[in-house]
Amino acid sequence: MIYFQLFITFLKIGLLSFGGGYGMIPVIQKELEIHNWMSPYDFIKIISISEMTPGPIAVNTATFVGYKIAGIFGGALATIGVVLPSFILIMATSSLIFKFKDHPLLEKVLYTIKPVVLALIIAAVIFIGKNTLLDAEIIKNSGINTNFLNYVDPISIIILIISILMLTVFKINPIIVLLASGIIAVILHLLGIF
């Protein structure tokens, strides 16, 4: 039953999601919440691994989520489910897309989808930011508290600011920034700080 649910869930995600992998993140997160398959914290770890792994983030995320829920076969079914709608759509419409690529109606449809894609990506940024910049242990141990500043993880904020500066001001290669932040996290963890 879980295999069928995984396949159908990711088939639906692949069929109804626009804007690539980052646009799919809020949709996947909502489905995980509906099925109660994993915590937001576990999903954030999967997104992190998916971003670092070669390949499209949507496919990587589907594979890792499916594997976490139902093993290797679950990962394979989730991957097939998320890819299948796009594959069928491209195969069925590729000749039409090239023929009508400059048609005003197609341009208007694609133009109106752009704000929705942007909203999905912003929702993904908010979800990831909320679950990575806030201290999950404090939230879990303190119960309900409305003071947002009690939850802020200062080390994550510092790493975020330094990473943004390295990428935008100093134009350092993103791979080097990722490796450096990973090394810093390991060192801080070994020192018992992070």
C-alpha atoms as a PDB file:
ATOM      1  CA  MET A   1       0.000   0.000   0.000  1.00  0.00           C
ATOM      2  CA  ILE A   2       2.818   2.445   0.894  1.00  0.00           C
ATOM      3  CA  TYR A   3       4.427   1.869  -2.510  1.00  0.00           C
ATOM      4  CA  PHE A   4       1.209   2.741  -4.325  1.00  0.00           C
ATOM      5  CA  GLN A   5       0.722   5.838  -2.136  1.00  0.00           C
ATOM      6  CA  LEU A   6       4.297   6.978  -2.811  1.00  0.00           C
ATOM      7  CA  PHE A   7       3.958   6.504  -6.550  1.00  0.00           C
ATOM      8  CA  ILE A   8       0.566   8.281  -6.767  1.00  0.00           C
ATOM      9  CA  THR A   9       1.698  11.118  -4.482  1.00  0.00           C
ATOM     10  CA  PHE A  10       4.822  11.843  -6.518  1.00  0.00           C
ATOM     11  CA  LEU A  11       2.940  11.357  -9.785  1.00  0.00           C
ATOM     12  CA  LYS A  12       0.543  14.070  -8.603  1.00  0.00           C
ATOM     13  CA  ILE A  13       3.458  16.296  -7.564  1.00  0.00           C
ATOM     14  CA  GLY A  14       5.132  15.815 -10.953  1.00  0.00           C
ATOM     15  CA  LEU A  15       1.890  16.463 -12.790  1.00  0.00           C
ATOM     16  CA  LEU A  16       0.781  19.572 -10.921  1.00  0.00           C
ATOM     17  CA  SER A  17       4.067  21.331 -10.137  1.00  0.00           C
ATOM     18  CA  PHE A  18       5.577  24.104 -12.224  1.00  0.00           C
ATOM     19  CA  GLY A  19       8.846  25.931 -11.803  1.00  0.00           C
ATOM     20  CA  GLY A  20      11.241  23.060 -11.373  1.00  0.00           C
ATOM     21  CA  GLY A  21      12.490  21.467  -8.193  1.00  0.00           C
ATOM     22  CA  TYR A  22      12.408  24.544  -5.983  1.00  0.00           C
ATOM     23  CA  GLY A  23       8.797  25.103  -6.983  1.00  0.00           C
ATOM     24  CA  MET A  24       8.052  21.514  -5.968  1.00  0.00           C
ATOM     25  CA  ILE A  25       9.498  21.784  -2.456  1.00  0.00           C
ATOM     26  CA  PRO A  26       6.381  23.328  -0.838  1.00  0.00           C
ATOM     27  CA  VAL A  27       4.160  20.814  -2.651  1.00  0.00           C
ATOM     28  CA  ILE A  28       6.284  17.865  -1.492  1.00  0.00           C
ATOM     29  CA  GLN A  29       6.380  19.277   2.047  1.00  0.00           C
ATOM     30  CA  LYS A  30       2.583  19.616   2.092  1.00  0.00           C
ATOM     31  CA  GLU A  31       2.139  16.029   0.891  1.00  0.00           C
ATOM     32  CA  LEU A  32       4.563  14.754   3.530  1.00  0.00           C
ATOM     33  CA  GLU A  33       2.564  16.662   6.130  1.00  0.00           C
ATOM     34  CA  ILE A  34      -0.757  15.247   4.856  1.00  0.00           C
ATOM     35  CA  HIS A  35       0.540  11.660   4.955  1.00  0.00           C
ATOM     36  CA  ASN A  36       2.538  12.246   8.155  1.00  0.00           C
ATOM     37  CA  TRP A  37       5.533  10.538   6.535  1.00  0.00           C
ATOM     38  CA  MET A  38       8.319  12.625   8.078  1.00  0.00           C
ATOM     39  CA  SER A  39       9.027  15.699  10.160  1.00  0.00           C
ATOM     40  CA  PRO A  40       9.935  19.066   8.603  1.00  0.00           C
ATOM     41  CA  TYR A  41      13.397  18.692  10.147  1.00  0.00           C
ATOM     42  CA  ASP A  42      13.973  15.374   8.348  1.00  0.00           C
ATOM     43  CA  PHE A  43      12.684  16.894   5.095  1.00  0.00           C
ATOM     44  CA  ILE A  44      15.156  19.790   5.433  1.00  0.00           C
ATOM     45  CA  LYS A  45      17.992  17.265   5.745  1.00  0.00           C
ATOM     46  CA  ILE A  46      16.761  15.547   2.580  1.00  0.00           C
ATOM     47  CA  ILE A  47      16.609  18.883   0.717  1.00  0.00           C
ATOM     48  CA  SER A  48      20.185  19.627   1.806  1.00  0.00           C
ATOM     49  CA  ILE A  49      21.400  16.270   0.518  1.00  0.00           C
ATOM     50  CA  SER A  50      19.374  16.711  -2.691  1.00  0.00           C
ATOM     51  CA  GLU A  51      20.973  20.084  -3.368  1.00  0.00           C
ATOM     52  CA  MET A  52      24.475  18.707  -2.931  1.00  0.00           C
ATOM     53  CA  THR A  53      23.884  15.581  -5.008  1.00  0.00           C
ATOM     54  CA  PRO A  54      24.351  15.823  -8.791  1.00  0.00           C
ATOM     55  CA  GLY A  55      21.102  15.948 -10.733  1.00  0.00           C
ATOM     56  CA  PRO A  56      17.801  17.809 -10.590  1.00  0.00           C
ATOM     57  CA  ILE A  57      16.657  18.661  -7.073  1.00  0.00           C
ATOM     58  CA  ALA A  58      13.102  17.392  -7.705  1.00  0.00           C
ATOM     59  CA  VAL A  59      14.326  13.964  -8.769  1.00  0.00           C
ATOM     60  CA  ASN A  60      16.883  13.771  -5.956  1.00  0.00           C
ATOM     61  CA  THR A  61      14.311  14.848  -3.359  1.00  0.00           C
ATOM     62  CA  ALA A  62      11.749  12.321  -4.614  1.00  0.00           C
ATOM     63  CA  THR A  63      14.378   9.581  -4.546  1.00  0.00           C
ATOM     64  CA  PHE A  64      15.569  10.372  -1.022  1.00  0.00           C
ATOM     65  CA  VAL A  65      12.039  10.837   0.374  1.00  0.00           C
ATOM     66  CA  GLY A  66      10.872   7.578  -1.200  1.00  0.00           C
ATOM     67  CA  TYR A  67      13.942   5.768   0.131  1.00  0.00           C
ATOM     68  CA  LYS A  68      13.471   7.185   3.640  1.00  0.00           C
ATOM     69  CA  ILE A  69       9.816   6.113   3.687  1.00  0.00           C
ATOM     70  CA  ALA A  70       9.932   2.720   1.944  1.00  0.00           C
ATOM     71  CA  GLY A  71      13.500   1.731   1.072  1.00  0.00           C
ATOM     72  CA  ILE A  72      15.042   1.265  -2.355  1.00  0.00           C
ATOM     73  CA  PHE A  73      11.801   0.284  -4.091  1.00  0.00           C
ATOM     74  CA  GLY A  74      10.043   3.286  -2.538  1.00  0.00           C
ATOM     75  CA  GLY A  75      12.807   5.579  -3.810  1.00  0.00           C
ATOM     76  CA  ALA A  76      12.516   4.127  -7.297  1.00  0.00           C
ATOM     77  CA  LEU A  77       8.713   4.493  -7.374  1.00  0.00           C
ATOM     78  CA  ALA A  78       8.802   8.062  -6.056  1.00  0.00           C
ATOM     79  CA  THR A  79      11.399   8.965  -8.706  1.00  0.00           C
ATOM     80  CA  ILE A  80       9.399   7.376 -11.515  1.00  0.00           C
ATOM     81  CA  GLY A  81       6.252   9.081 -10.249  1.00  0.00           C
ATOM     82  CA  VAL A  82       7.764  12.570 -10.212  1.00  0.00           C
ATOM     83  CA  VAL A  83       9.426  12.181 -13.644  1.00  0.00           C
ATOM     84  CA  LEU A  84       6.700  10.336 -15.555  1.00  0.00           C
ATOM     85  CA  PRO A  85       4.262  13.257 -16.120  1.00  0.00           C
ATOM     86  CA  SER A  86       6.984  15.514 -17.535  1.00  0.00           C
ATOM     87  CA  PHE A  87       8.323  12.722 -19.723  1.00  0.00           C
ATOM     88  CA  ILE A  88       4.877  11.950 -21.169  1.00  0.00           C
ATOM     89  CA  LEU A  89       4.036  15.645 -21.616  1.00  0.00           C
ATOM     90  CA  ILE A  90       7.298  16.396 -23.410  1.00  0.00           C
ATOM     91  CA  MET A  91       7.001  13.356 -25.664  1.00  0.00           C
ATOM     92  CA  ALA A  92       3.416  14.230 -26.550  1.00  0.00           C
ATOM     93  CA  THR A  93       3.863  17.958 -27.115  1.00  0.00           C
ATOM     94  CA  SER A  94       7.466  18.475 -28.234  1.00  0.00           C
ATOM     95  CA  SER A  95       6.611  18.958 -31.898  1.00  0.00           C
ATOM     96  CA  LEU A  96       3.750  21.321 -31.006  1.00  0.00           C
ATOM     97  CA  ILE A  97       5.889  23.393 -28.659  1.00  0.00           C
ATOM     98  CA  PHE A  98       8.464  24.058 -31.375  1.00  0.00           C
ATOM     99  CA  LYS A  99       5.709  24.807 -33.871  1.00  0.00           C
ATOM    100  CA  PHE A 100       3.826  27.254 -31.610  1.00  0.00           C
ATOM    101  CA  LYS A 101       6.631  28.545 -29.380  1.00  0.00           C
ATOM    102  CA  ASP A 102       6.068  32.148 -30.520  1.00  0.00           C
ATOM    103  CA  HIS A 103       2.260  31.995 -30.390  1.00  0.00           C
ATOM    104  CA  PRO A 104       0.854  34.888 -28.290  1.00  0.00           C
ATOM    105  CA  LEU A 105      -1.503  32.626 -26.324  1.00  0.00           C
ATOM    106  CA  LEU A 106       1.324  30.288 -25.257  1.00  0.00           C
ATOM    107  CA  GLU A 107       3.445  33.291 -24.292  1.00  0.00           C
ATOM    108  CA  LYS A 108       0.578  34.697 -22.172  1.00  0.00           C
ATOM    109  CA  VAL A 109       0.006  31.366 -20.436  1.00  0.00           C
ATOM    110  CA  LEU A 110       3.690  31.033 -19.584  1.00  0.00           C
ATOM    111  CA  TYR A 111       3.837  34.684 -18.503  1.00  0.00           C
ATOM    112  CA  THR A 112       0.938  34.236 -16.072  1.00  0.00           C
ATOM    113  CA  ILE A 113       2.502  31.100 -14.567  1.00  0.00           C
ATOM    114  CA  LYS A 114       5.703  32.996 -13.636  1.00  0.00           C
ATOM    115  CA  PRO A 115       4.257  34.745 -10.526  1.00  0.00           C
ATOM    116  CA  VAL A 116       2.919  31.422  -9.235  1.00  0.00           C
ATOM    117  CA  VAL A 117       6.339  29.824  -9.697  1.00  0.00           C
ATOM    118  CA  LEU A 118       7.932  32.756  -7.861  1.00  0.00           C
ATOM    119  CA  ALA A 119       5.417  32.328  -5.005  1.00  0.00           C
ATOM    120  CA  LEU A 120       6.251  28.618  -4.769  1.00  0.00           C
ATOM    121  CA  ILE A 121       9.978  29.351  -4.657  1.00  0.00           C
ATOM    122  CA  ILE A 122       9.448  32.027  -1.970  1.00  0.00           C
ATOM    123  CA  ALA A 123       7.356  29.532   0.018  1.00  0.00           C
ATOM    124  CA  ALA A 124      10.244  27.046  -0.255  1.00  0.00           C
ATOM    125  CA  VAL A 125      12.710  29.698   0.943  1.00  0.00           C
ATOM    126  CA  ILE A 126      10.488  30.513   3.936  1.00  0.00           C
ATOM    127  CA  PHE A 127      10.051  26.826   4.808  1.00  0.00           C
ATOM    128  CA  ILE A 128      13.779  26.112   4.537  1.00  0.00           C
ATOM    129  CA  GLY A 129      14.705  29.316   6.388  1.00  0.00           C
ATOM    130  CA  LYS A 130      12.257  28.641   9.207  1.00  0.00           C
ATOM    131  CA  ASN A 131      13.545  25.119   9.675  1.00  0.00           C
ATOM    132  CA  THR A 132      17.263  25.892   9.380  1.00  0.00           C
ATOM    133  CA  LEU A 133      17.697  29.312  10.998  1.00  0.00           C
ATOM    134  CA  LEU A 134      15.561  28.537  14.020  1.00  0.00           C
ATOM    135  CA  ASP A 135      16.809  26.251  16.769  1.00  0.00           C
ATOM    136  CA  ALA A 136      14.638  23.125  16.601  1.00  0.00           C
ATOM    137  CA  GLU A 137      15.704  21.966  20.091  1.00  0.00           C
ATOM    138  CA  ILE A 138      14.556  25.215  21.713  1.00  0.00           C
ATOM    139  CA  ILE A 139      11.235  25.056  19.888  1.00  0.00           C
ATOM    140  CA  LYS A 140      10.720  21.398  20.829  1.00  0.00           C
ATOM    141  CA  ASN A 141      11.630  21.893  24.499  1.00  0.00           C
ATOM    142  CA  SER A 142       9.927  25.222  25.170  1.00  0.00           C
ATOM    143  CA  GLY A 143       6.430  24.452  23.907  1.00  0.00           C
ATOM    144  CA  ILE A 144       4.337  27.255  22.472  1.00  0.00           C
ATOM    145  CA  ASN A 145       5.970  30.656  22.715  1.00  0.00           C
ATOM    146  CA  THR A 146       5.212  33.660  20.544  1.00  0.00           C
ATOM    147  CA  ASN A 147       8.624  35.342  20.918  1.00  0.00           C
ATOM    148  CA  PHE A 148      10.345  34.596  17.600  1.00  0.00           C
ATOM    149  CA  LEU A 149      13.755  35.790  18.866  1.00  0.00           C
ATOM    150  CA  ASN A 150      13.869  32.963  21.419  1.00  0.00           C
ATOM    151  CA  TYR A 151      14.113  30.492  18.542  1.00  0.00           C
ATOM    152  CA  VAL A 152      16.780  32.134  16.394  1.00  0.00           C
ATOM    153  CA  ASP A 153      19.954  30.077  16.033  1.00  0.00           C
ATOM    154  CA  PRO A 154      22.731  32.718  15.958  1.00  0.00           C
ATOM    155  CA  ILE A 155      25.332  30.386  14.467  1.00  0.00           C
ATOM    156  CA  SER A 156      23.064  29.605  11.500  1.00  0.00           C
ATOM    157  CA  ILE A 157      22.410  33.328  10.990  1.00  0.00           C
ATOM    158  CA  ILE A 158      26.158  34.074  11.031  1.00  0.00           C
ATOM    159  CA  ILE A 159      26.856  31.272   8.532  1.00  0.00           C
ATOM    160  CA  LEU A 160      24.029  32.594   6.316  1.00  0.00           C
ATOM    161  CA  ILE A 161      25.374  36.171   6.343  1.00  0.00           C
ATOM    162  CA  ILE A 162      28.973  35.088   5.683  1.00  0.00           C
ATOM    163  CA  SER A 163      27.801  32.808   2.850  1.00  0.00           C
ATOM    164  CA  ILE A 164      25.789  35.608   1.221  1.00  0.00           C
ATOM    165  CA  LEU A 165      28.792  37.939   1.446  1.00  0.00           C
ATOM    166  CA  MET A 166      31.127  35.304  -0.009  1.00  0.00           C
ATOM    167  CA  LEU A 167      28.752  34.671  -2.912  1.00  0.00           C
ATOM    168  CA  THR A 168      27.657  38.220  -3.738  1.00  0.00           C
ATOM    169  CA  VAL A 169      30.469  40.553  -2.669  1.00  0.00           C
ATOM    170  CA  PHE A 170      33.551  38.381  -3.086  1.00  0.00           C
ATOM    171  CA  LYS A 171      32.109  36.265  -5.950  1.00  0.00           C
ATOM    172  CA  ILE A 172      33.488  33.025  -4.511  1.00  0.00           C
ATOM    173  CA  ASN A 173      32.475  29.810  -6.271  1.00  0.00           C
ATOM    174  CA  PRO A 174      29.305  28.311  -4.655  1.00  0.00           C
ATOM    175  CA  ILE A 175      30.966  24.892  -4.405  1.00  0.00           C
ATOM    176  CA  ILE A 176      33.756  26.369  -2.281  1.00  0.00           C
ATOM    177  CA  VAL A 177      31.177  28.154  -0.098  1.00  0.00           C
ATOM    178  CA  LEU A 178      29.284  24.865   0.405  1.00  0.00           C
ATOM    179  CA  LEU A 179      32.455  22.966   1.257  1.00  0.00           C
ATOM    180  CA  ALA A 180      33.643  25.695   3.631  1.00  0.00           C
ATOM    181  CA  SER A 181      30.300  25.842   5.454  1.00  0.00           C
ATOM    182  CA  GLY A 182      30.274  22.049   5.766  1.00  0.00           C
ATOM    183  CA  ILE A 183      33.792  22.048   7.207  1.00  0.00           C
ATOM    184  CA  ILE A 184      32.872  24.854   9.625  1.00  0.00           C
ATOM    185  CA  ALA A 185      29.789  22.903  10.751  1.00  0.00           C
ATOM    186  CA  VAL A 186      31.889  19.766  11.388  1.00  0.00           C
ATOM    187  CA  ILE A 187      34.474  21.755  13.373  1.00  0.00           C
ATOM    188  CA  LEU A 188      31.770  23.518  15.417  1.00  0.00           C
ATOM    189  CA  HIS A 189      30.059  20.173  16.052  1.00  0.00           C
ATOM    190  CA  LEU A 190      33.326  18.573  17.202  1.00  0.00           C
ATOM    191  CA  LEU A 191      33.858  21.513  19.556  1.00  0.00           C
ATOM    192  CA  GLY A 192      30.324  21.051  20.922  1.00  0.00           C
ATOM    193  CA  ILE A 193      29.201  24.511  19.778  1.00  0.00           C
ATOM    194  CA  PHE A 194      26.795  23.590  16.980  1.00  0.00           C
END
